[in-house]
Amino acid sequence: MRGNDRTWRHLVVWLHIVTSVGWMALALALFALLLHGATDPGSAPAATEMAHFVDTVLLAPLANTSASTGLVLALGTAWGLVHQLWVLTKFAITLVQLYAGIFLLSRGLEAAASSAEAGPTLAAGTVAMAGALGFQAWLSVAKPGSRTRWARDRRTGRPVKLPTAPAALFAVAVLAPLIDIAVGTAVGFPTPLLSLLSVVAAVVVRRRALRAHAAPVPAIR
């Protein structure tokens, strides 16, 4: 692998780690704000408003970036998305977290800010989010479990060799969320459009690479 390829891939890894840690730290910050608002009713209006602000301006963009870079790393490297049990587990947890964060936590925080009431359910949700992120960090370090059934070729039974994506894909994975964050800051709400497109590009690149690898080599006459 050329040095340029390694540089962009390492930048994606770095961005994924930084945003994942930030995501977990902000989930704990939301817990602290909501707990303060629940135990001190007089501070509830300020606490819930600040929690909603932190979720919209900081947590959501970091969560989107963490998810998109993680997916690109899985789809663009030899680990694969469904070939290793620990990667597949992280993927499943990420999907649940994104759904819960977008449709449950964010809406709950918006309602809490409007009513100036901090209920225990939201606080418990932020703790669960932080705990899930901590577990995912452990999975990344320990890499427990075995290969899944998709890790072997169905025809030959041999392990599938997953190619590494070109440097251009990793460059897109770094630049896309940064542009999304800048646009989201300007418009006032998260807009992870380019991050989503980077994941779609990773899927397309991986499928093309696998098809090219599986294509029969013509005989030389």
Protein backbone atom coordinates (compact mmCIF):
# COMPACT_ATOMS: atom_id res chain seq x y z
CA MET A 1 0.00 0.00 0.00
CA ARG A 2 1.29 3.39 -0.96
CA GLY A 3 1.97 6.02 1.68
CA ASN A 4 -0.85 8.24 0.41
CA ASP A 5 -3.34 5.38 0.85
CA ARG A 6 -2.18 4.78 4.42
CA THR A 7 -2.39 8.50 5.26
CA TRP A 8 -6.04 8.85 4.27
CA ARG A 9 -7.01 5.55 5.87
CA HIS A 10 -5.26 6.56 9.09
CA LEU A 11 -7.08 9.89 9.01
CA VAL A 12 -10.41 8.06 8.80
CA VAL A 13 -9.40 5.89 11.77
CA TRP A 14 -8.37 9.00 13.70
CA LEU A 15 -11.62 10.82 12.89
CA HIS A 16 -13.65 7.77 13.84
CA ILE A 17 -11.93 7.48 17.23
CA VAL A 18 -12.15 11.19 18.01
CA THR A 19 -15.83 11.48 17.12
CA SER A 20 -16.73 8.24 18.92
CA VAL A 21 -15.07 9.44 22.13
CA GLY A 22 -16.75 12.82 21.70
CA TRP A 23 -20.11 11.13 21.18
CA MET A 24 -19.75 9.18 24.42
CA ALA A 25 -18.52 12.22 26.37
CA LEU A 26 -21.46 14.32 25.18
CA ALA A 27 -23.91 11.55 26.10
CA LEU A 28 -22.52 11.72 29.64
CA ALA A 29 -22.75 15.52 29.54
CA LEU A 30 -26.43 15.22 28.63
CA PHE A 31 -26.90 12.86 31.56
CA ALA A 32 -25.34 15.38 33.93
CA LEU A 33 -27.56 18.20 32.63
CA LEU A 34 -30.73 16.14 32.79
CA LEU A 35 -29.90 14.82 36.25
CA HIS A 36 -29.29 18.36 37.45
CA GLY A 37 -32.59 19.48 35.99
CA ALA A 38 -34.46 16.57 37.57
CA THR A 39 -32.98 17.02 41.05
CA ASP A 40 -33.18 20.81 41.06
CA PRO A 41 -36.52 21.92 39.54
CA GLY A 42 -35.41 25.54 39.54
CA SER A 43 -32.61 24.76 37.09
CA ALA A 44 -34.76 22.55 34.83
CA PRO A 45 -35.51 25.23 32.19
CA ALA A 46 -31.84 26.09 31.69
CA ALA A 47 -30.68 22.46 31.95
CA THR A 48 -33.17 21.10 29.40
CA GLU A 49 -32.54 23.97 26.98
CA MET A 50 -28.78 23.42 27.20
CA ALA A 51 -29.20 19.65 26.76
CA HIS A 52 -31.25 20.18 23.61
CA PHE A 53 -28.64 22.65 22.30
CA VAL A 54 -25.73 20.27 22.98
CA ASP A 55 -27.58 17.40 21.29
CA THR A 56 -28.35 19.40 18.15
CA VAL A 57 -25.10 21.32 17.74
CA LEU A 58 -22.51 18.81 19.00
CA LEU A 59 -23.73 15.29 19.71
CA ALA A 60 -25.69 14.70 16.50
CA PRO A 61 -22.86 15.77 14.13
CA LEU A 62 -20.30 13.69 16.05
CA ALA A 63 -22.61 10.66 16.07
CA ASN A 64 -23.18 10.94 12.32
CA THR A 65 -19.45 11.28 11.67
CA SER A 66 -18.58 8.37 13.95
CA ALA A 67 -21.13 6.15 12.22
CA SER A 68 -20.17 7.09 8.65
CA THR A 69 -16.42 6.74 9.19
CA GLY A 70 -16.91 3.42 10.96
CA LEU A 71 -18.98 2.07 8.09
CA VAL A 72 -16.45 3.24 5.49
CA LEU A 73 -13.62 1.60 7.44
CA ALA A 74 -15.53 -1.67 7.56
CA LEU A 75 -16.50 -1.56 3.89
CA GLY A 76 -13.15 -0.24 2.69
CA THR A 77 -10.74 -2.55 4.51
CA ALA A 78 -10.09 -6.26 4.92
CA TRP A 79 -12.28 -6.41 8.06
CA GLY A 80 -15.52 -6.20 6.11
CA LEU A 81 -18.93 -5.26 7.47
CA VAL A 82 -20.42 -8.71 8.08
CA HIS A 83 -17.37 -10.96 7.98
CA GLN A 84 -16.18 -10.48 11.57
CA LEU A 85 -18.56 -11.02 14.48
CA TRP A 86 -17.27 -8.03 16.44
CA VAL A 87 -17.65 -5.69 13.46
CA LEU A 88 -21.17 -6.97 12.77
CA THR A 89 -22.05 -6.45 16.44
CA LYS A 90 -20.76 -2.86 16.33
CA PHE A 91 -22.78 -2.27 13.16
CA ALA A 92 -25.99 -3.53 14.77
CA ILE A 93 -25.44 -1.40 17.90
CA THR A 94 -24.72 1.67 15.77
CA LEU A 95 -27.99 1.26 13.86
CA VAL A 96 -29.92 1.02 17.12
CA GLN A 97 -28.12 4.05 18.54
CA LEU A 98 -28.78 6.18 15.47
CA TYR A 99 -32.47 5.26 15.47
CA ALA A 100 -32.81 5.89 19.21
CA GLY A 101 -30.83 9.11 19.02
CA ILE A 102 -32.75 10.59 16.08
CA PHE A 103 -36.30 9.45 16.78
CA LEU A 104 -36.33 9.09 20.57
CA LEU A 105 -33.62 11.07 22.35
CA SER A 106 -33.56 14.17 20.13
CA ARG A 107 -37.33 14.45 20.07
CA GLY A 108 -37.48 13.87 23.81
CA LEU A 109 -34.91 16.58 24.44
CA GLU A 110 -36.81 18.99 22.23
CA ALA A 111 -40.00 18.28 24.17
CA ALA A 112 -38.16 18.62 27.48
CA ALA A 113 -36.78 21.99 26.44
CA SER A 114 -40.26 23.17 25.48
CA SER A 115 -41.85 21.99 28.74
CA ALA A 116 -38.81 22.80 30.93
CA GLU A 117 -39.10 19.37 32.55
CA ALA A 118 -36.30 16.79 32.78
CA GLY A 119 -37.73 13.30 33.19
CA PRO A 120 -35.75 10.26 34.34
CA THR A 121 -36.36 8.40 31.08
CA LEU A 122 -34.18 10.76 29.07
CA ALA A 123 -31.39 10.59 31.64
CA ALA A 124 -31.50 6.80 31.54
CA GLY A 125 -31.35 6.91 27.74
CA THR A 126 -28.18 8.98 27.75
CA VAL A 127 -26.52 6.55 30.17
CA ALA A 128 -27.51 3.63 27.94
CA MET A 129 -26.04 5.42 24.93
CA ALA A 130 -22.75 6.09 26.71
CA GLY A 131 -22.60 2.49 27.91
CA ALA A 132 -23.20 1.13 24.41
CA LEU A 133 -20.41 3.33 23.04
CA GLY A 134 -18.07 2.12 25.76
CA PHE A 135 -18.90 -1.49 24.85
CA GLN A 136 -18.22 -0.76 21.19
CA ALA A 137 -14.83 0.68 22.15
CA TRP A 138 -14.05 -2.57 23.97
CA LEU A 139 -15.07 -4.56 20.89
CA SER A 140 -12.67 -2.52 18.76
CA VAL A 141 -9.80 -3.25 21.14
CA ALA A 142 -10.46 -6.90 22.03
CA LYS A 143 -11.98 -8.00 18.68
CA PRO A 144 -13.68 -11.01 20.29
CA GLY A 145 -15.61 -13.72 18.50
CA SER A 146 -15.04 -15.56 15.30
CA ARG A 147 -15.68 -15.09 11.62
CA THR A 148 -19.26 -15.21 10.38
CA ARG A 149 -20.58 -17.49 7.67
CA TRP A 150 -20.13 -14.69 5.13
CA ALA A 151 -16.37 -14.81 5.67
CA ARG A 152 -16.08 -17.90 3.47
CA ASP A 153 -16.76 -18.29 -0.23
CA ARG A 154 -19.91 -20.36 -0.73
CA ARG A 155 -18.46 -22.12 -3.75
CA THR A 156 -14.98 -22.99 -2.57
CA GLY A 157 -15.30 -22.77 1.22
CA ARG A 158 -12.14 -20.69 1.35
CA PRO A 159 -11.87 -17.46 3.37
CA VAL A 160 -12.96 -14.40 1.41
CA LYS A 161 -10.12 -11.97 0.79
CA LEU A 162 -11.52 -8.46 1.01
CA PRO A 163 -9.63 -5.79 -0.93
CA THR A 164 -8.70 -2.40 0.50
CA ALA A 165 -10.50 0.54 -1.09
CA PRO A 166 -8.55 3.22 -2.99
CA ALA A 167 -7.29 6.31 -1.19
CA ALA A 168 -9.96 8.47 -2.85
CA LEU A 169 -12.72 6.75 -0.87
CA PHE A 170 -10.97 7.38 2.45
CA ALA A 171 -10.36 11.01 1.45
CA VAL A 172 -14.09 11.41 0.80
CA ALA A 173 -14.85 9.76 4.15
CA VAL A 174 -12.76 12.43 5.90
CA LEU A 175 -13.89 15.48 3.97
CA ALA A 176 -17.61 14.66 3.67
CA PRO A 177 -18.50 14.85 7.38
CA LEU A 178 -16.41 18.00 7.84
CA ILE A 179 -18.42 19.70 5.09
CA ASP A 180 -21.65 18.34 6.59
CA ILE A 181 -20.75 19.80 9.98
CA ALA A 182 -19.97 23.19 8.43
CA VAL A 183 -23.27 23.20 6.52
CA GLY A 184 -25.20 21.98 9.56
CA THR A 185 -23.72 24.75 11.68
CA ALA A 186 -24.76 27.32 9.10
CA VAL A 187 -28.36 26.10 8.74
CA GLY A 188 -28.86 25.26 12.42
CA PHE A 189 -29.52 21.52 12.26
CA PRO A 190 -27.52 18.36 11.33
CA THR A 191 -27.26 17.65 7.58
CA PRO A 192 -25.30 14.39 7.13
CA LEU A 193 -26.00 14.15 3.40
CA LEU A 194 -22.40 13.85 2.19
CA SER A 195 -21.56 11.43 5.00
CA LEU A 196 -24.40 9.19 3.82
CA LEU A 197 -23.17 9.45 0.25
CA SER A 198 -19.66 8.42 1.37
CA VAL A 199 -21.14 5.23 2.85
CA VAL A 200 -23.05 4.57 -0.38
CA ALA A 201 -19.82 5.08 -2.32
CA ALA A 202 -18.07 2.58 -0.05
CA VAL A 203 -20.79 0.00 -0.76
CA VAL A 204 -20.46 0.54 -4.51
CA VAL A 205 -16.65 0.33 -4.42
CA ARG A 206 -16.72 -2.87 -2.36
CA ARG A 207 -19.28 -4.56 -4.61
CA ARG A 208 -17.32 -3.69 -7.74
CA ALA A 209 -14.09 -4.95 -6.21
CA LEU A 210 -15.69 -8.24 -5.18
CA ARG A 211 -17.22 -8.73 -8.63
CA ALA A 212 -13.87 -8.05 -10.29
CA HIS A 213 -12.18 -10.50 -7.90
CA ALA A 214 -14.79 -13.18 -8.60
CA ALA A 215 -14.72 -12.74 -12.40
CA PRO A 216 -12.97 -15.63 -14.20
CA VAL A 217 -9.59 -14.83 -15.69
CA PRO A 218 -9.62 -15.45 -19.46
CA ALA A 219 -7.22 -18.11 -20.65
CA ILE A 220 -4.19 -16.94 -22.60
CA ARG A 221 -3.89 -18.67 -25.94
